[in-house]
Protein backbone atom coordinates (compact mmCIF):
# COMPACT_ATOMS: atom_id res chain seq x y z
CA MET A 1 -68.87 -60.98 45.45
CA ASN A 2 -68.08 -63.70 47.92
CA ILE A 3 -67.80 -62.47 51.52
CA HIS A 4 -65.08 -64.98 52.44
CA GLY A 5 -62.21 -63.05 54.02
CA LYS A 6 -64.21 -59.81 54.21
CA THR A 7 -64.67 -57.87 57.43
CA ILE A 8 -68.34 -57.11 57.92
CA GLY A 9 -69.67 -54.83 60.64
CA PHE A 10 -73.00 -56.03 61.99
CA ALA A 11 -74.81 -53.30 63.93
CA LEU A 12 -77.91 -54.05 65.98
CA THR A 13 -80.34 -51.39 67.11
CA ALA A 14 -83.19 -51.79 69.56
CA SER A 15 -85.82 -53.65 67.57
CA PHE A 16 -85.79 -56.35 70.21
CA CYS A 17 -88.49 -58.46 68.57
CA THR A 18 -86.10 -59.29 65.70
CA PHE A 19 -83.04 -60.23 67.75
CA GLN A 20 -83.72 -63.99 67.80
CA SER A 21 -84.08 -64.06 64.01
CA THR A 22 -80.98 -61.88 63.57
CA LEU A 23 -78.63 -64.26 65.38
CA PRO A 24 -78.79 -66.99 62.67
CA GLN A 25 -77.96 -64.35 60.06
CA ILE A 26 -74.82 -63.33 61.94
CA LYS A 27 -73.88 -67.01 62.17
CA LYS A 28 -74.47 -67.44 58.42
CA LEU A 29 -72.00 -64.62 57.65
CA VAL A 30 -69.39 -66.25 59.89
CA GLU A 31 -70.02 -69.65 58.24
CA HIS A 32 -69.41 -68.03 54.84
CA GLY A 33 -65.96 -66.92 56.01
CA ALA A 34 -66.57 -63.30 57.03
CA ASN A 35 -64.91 -61.73 60.02
CA VAL A 36 -67.99 -60.21 61.68
CA ILE A 37 -67.45 -57.22 63.95
CA PRO A 38 -70.52 -56.78 66.17
CA ILE A 39 -71.75 -53.29 67.01
CA MET A 40 -74.66 -52.60 69.33
CA SER A 41 -76.55 -49.44 70.17
CA GLU A 42 -76.66 -48.34 73.77
CA ASN A 43 -80.24 -49.61 74.19
CA ALA A 44 -79.68 -52.85 72.30
CA ILE A 45 -76.76 -53.84 74.49
CA SER A 46 -78.27 -52.89 77.83
CA LEU A 47 -82.04 -53.33 77.97
CA ASP A 48 -83.78 -56.52 79.08
CA THR A 49 -87.17 -56.94 77.40
CA ARG A 50 -89.91 -59.53 77.04
CA PHE A 51 -87.89 -60.83 74.07
CA GLY A 52 -84.85 -61.71 76.18
CA LYS A 53 -82.08 -60.52 78.43
CA ALA A 54 -79.46 -58.19 77.01
CA ALA A 55 -76.62 -60.20 78.58
CA ASP A 56 -77.82 -63.36 76.81
CA PHE A 57 -77.80 -61.65 73.41
CA VAL A 58 -74.38 -60.13 74.08
CA LYS A 59 -73.02 -63.55 75.03
CA SER A 60 -74.50 -65.22 71.94
CA ILE A 61 -73.21 -62.55 69.57
CA THR A 62 -69.74 -62.63 71.09
CA GLU A 63 -69.61 -66.43 70.90
CA ILE A 64 -70.83 -66.50 67.28
CA THR A 65 -68.43 -63.83 66.02
CA GLY A 66 -65.45 -64.40 68.30
CA ASN A 67 -65.13 -60.62 68.52
CA ALA A 68 -65.80 -58.07 71.22
CA ILE A 69 -68.81 -55.83 70.65
CA ILE A 70 -68.23 -52.21 69.71
CA ASN A 71 -70.50 -50.55 72.25
CA SER A 72 -69.63 -46.86 72.42
CA ILE A 73 -69.18 -43.85 70.17
CA LEU A 74 -65.53 -43.76 71.21
CA LEU A 75 -64.96 -47.34 70.03
CA ALA A 76 -66.94 -46.82 66.80
CA GLU A 77 -65.13 -43.70 65.62
CA PRO A 78 -61.91 -45.47 64.44
CA ILE A 79 -63.95 -47.53 61.96
CA GLY A 80 -63.54 -44.67 59.48
CA PRO A 81 -59.92 -43.52 59.76
CA LYS A 82 -58.64 -47.07 60.15
CA ALA A 83 -60.91 -48.38 57.32
CA LEU A 84 -61.80 -51.38 59.48
CA LEU A 85 -64.77 -52.71 57.49
CA ASP A 86 -65.47 -53.87 53.95
CA ALA A 87 -69.21 -53.44 54.55
CA LEU A 88 -71.49 -52.48 57.42
CA ILE A 89 -75.02 -53.75 57.93
CA VAL A 90 -77.51 -52.27 60.38
CA ALA A 91 -79.87 -55.12 61.22
CA PRO A 92 -82.31 -54.51 62.68
CA CYS A 93 -82.44 -50.84 61.77
CA THR A 94 -85.13 -49.06 63.79
CA GLY A 95 -87.04 -46.05 62.53
CA ASN A 96 -85.12 -43.96 65.06
CA THR A 97 -81.75 -44.99 63.65
CA LEU A 98 -83.06 -44.73 60.08
CA SER A 99 -84.11 -41.11 60.64
CA LYS A 100 -80.76 -40.26 62.19
CA LEU A 101 -78.87 -41.78 59.24
CA ALA A 102 -81.03 -39.87 56.75
CA ASN A 103 -80.43 -36.61 58.60
CA ALA A 104 -76.72 -37.03 59.41
CA ILE A 105 -77.24 -37.25 63.18
CA THR A 106 -74.40 -39.00 64.97
CA ASP A 107 -75.31 -39.53 68.60
CA THR A 108 -75.18 -43.30 69.13
CA THR A 109 -72.67 -46.08 68.66
CA VAL A 110 -74.44 -47.30 65.52
CA THR A 111 -74.81 -43.89 63.87
CA MET A 112 -71.14 -43.15 64.58
CA ALA A 113 -70.15 -46.51 63.10
CA ALA A 114 -72.22 -45.77 59.99
CA LYS A 115 -70.87 -42.24 59.58
CA ALA A 116 -67.28 -43.39 60.11
CA HIS A 117 -67.72 -46.27 57.67
CA MET A 118 -69.41 -44.18 54.97
CA ARG A 119 -66.42 -41.84 54.70
CA ASN A 120 -64.59 -44.74 53.06
CA LEU A 121 -67.20 -45.07 50.26
CA LYS A 122 -67.94 -48.67 51.16
CA PRO A 123 -71.39 -50.28 51.38
CA LEU A 124 -73.79 -49.47 54.19
CA ILE A 125 -76.65 -51.98 54.21
CA ILE A 126 -79.91 -51.31 56.02
CA ALA A 127 -82.32 -54.03 57.20
CA LEU A 128 -85.45 -52.19 58.29
CA SER A 129 -87.54 -53.01 61.32
CA THR A 130 -89.82 -50.05 61.94
CA ASN A 131 -93.44 -49.46 62.83
CA ASP A 132 -93.54 -46.17 60.91
CA GLY A 133 -91.86 -47.01 57.61
CA LEU A 134 -94.95 -46.05 55.61
CA ALA A 135 -95.63 -43.01 57.79
CA MET A 136 -93.14 -40.53 59.24
CA ASN A 137 -90.12 -42.56 58.15
CA ALA A 138 -91.19 -43.00 54.52
CA LYS A 139 -89.35 -39.79 53.61
CA ASN A 140 -86.18 -41.07 55.29
CA ILE A 141 -86.31 -44.31 53.32
CA GLY A 142 -86.62 -42.19 50.17
CA VAL A 143 -83.62 -40.09 51.16
CA LEU A 144 -81.44 -43.12 51.88
CA LEU A 145 -82.49 -44.95 48.70
CA ASN A 146 -80.83 -42.09 46.83
CA ILE A 147 -77.54 -42.01 48.74
CA LYS A 148 -74.50 -43.52 47.06
CA ASN A 149 -73.20 -46.68 48.75
CA VAL A 150 -76.39 -47.22 50.78
CA PHE A 151 -78.27 -50.44 50.09
CA PHE A 152 -81.42 -51.98 51.55
CA VAL A 153 -82.18 -55.56 52.43
CA PRO A 154 -85.48 -56.08 50.57
CA PHE A 155 -88.44 -55.32 52.81
CA LYS A 156 -92.23 -55.58 53.07
CA GLN A 157 -95.13 -54.75 55.33
CA ASP A 158 -94.98 -57.17 58.21
CA ASP A 159 -98.66 -56.92 59.21
CA PRO A 160 -100.68 -54.77 56.77
CA ILE A 161 -103.93 -55.22 58.71
CA LYS A 162 -102.89 -54.59 62.32
CA LYS A 163 -99.80 -52.42 61.68
CA ALA A 164 -100.37 -50.78 58.29
CA ASN A 165 -97.28 -48.54 58.46
CA SER A 166 -94.85 -51.19 59.70
CA LEU A 167 -92.00 -52.46 57.51
CA ILE A 168 -89.64 -55.36 58.04
CA ALA A 169 -86.65 -56.58 56.04
CA ASP A 170 -86.47 -60.19 54.92
CA LEU A 171 -83.50 -61.18 57.07
CA ASP A 172 -82.87 -64.28 54.96
CA LEU A 173 -81.78 -61.86 52.21
CA ILE A 174 -78.98 -60.29 54.28
CA LEU A 175 -76.20 -62.42 52.76
CA PRO A 176 -77.16 -61.89 49.09
CA THR A 177 -77.72 -58.18 49.74
CA ILE A 178 -74.22 -57.81 51.20
CA GLU A 179 -72.65 -59.85 48.41
CA LEU A 180 -74.20 -57.63 45.73
CA ALA A 181 -73.57 -54.41 47.69
CA LEU A 182 -69.86 -55.26 47.70
CA ASP A 183 -70.14 -55.08 43.90
CA ASN A 184 -72.14 -51.83 44.17
CA ILE A 185 -75.43 -53.49 43.16
CA GLN A 186 -78.77 -53.28 44.99
CA LEU A 187 -80.56 -56.62 45.39
CA GLU A 188 -83.92 -56.32 43.64
CA PRO A 189 -86.76 -56.12 44.11
CA VAL A 190 -86.35 -53.87 47.13
CA LEU A 191 -90.08 -53.97 47.82
CA LEU A 192 -91.35 -57.48 48.41
């Protein structure tokens, strides 16, 4: 399904090392005609790191999307009852957020956005960025792979030698994953 005219939530969690490569993907969705609603976790929106200043990322995301960032549980909650989104992607999705989604924990802006969105039986897309995907979070990936309306951006080990348990989504596959998820189809192969 074409995303032109669709409203896509784009939630960022605190995998700061992927932020620079996430920005072009947000821009790509906008260029394909989606209304992108940015959502940022409390840490993602506020912490400066060696990968950049939070204020710079906030400014870039706001300029790209033309929309204010949903940055609190209070602002995320109406996503469900008002059916604000056609699809929601969490990119990057940290292991912390992944485990909360798999265990129905709603204590951040992003987990509230996901919970609120999922009540409408619309696609939730996950783009992993976690150092423990093949360790403690492997079970959570398994849980979420079996949940209706949850889809994964295909992923792989990002450094099998130095970080054997680490998984990363291929961010260039965000657009085709969303397009297929809107038709209730998982982009395959999931494991690259």
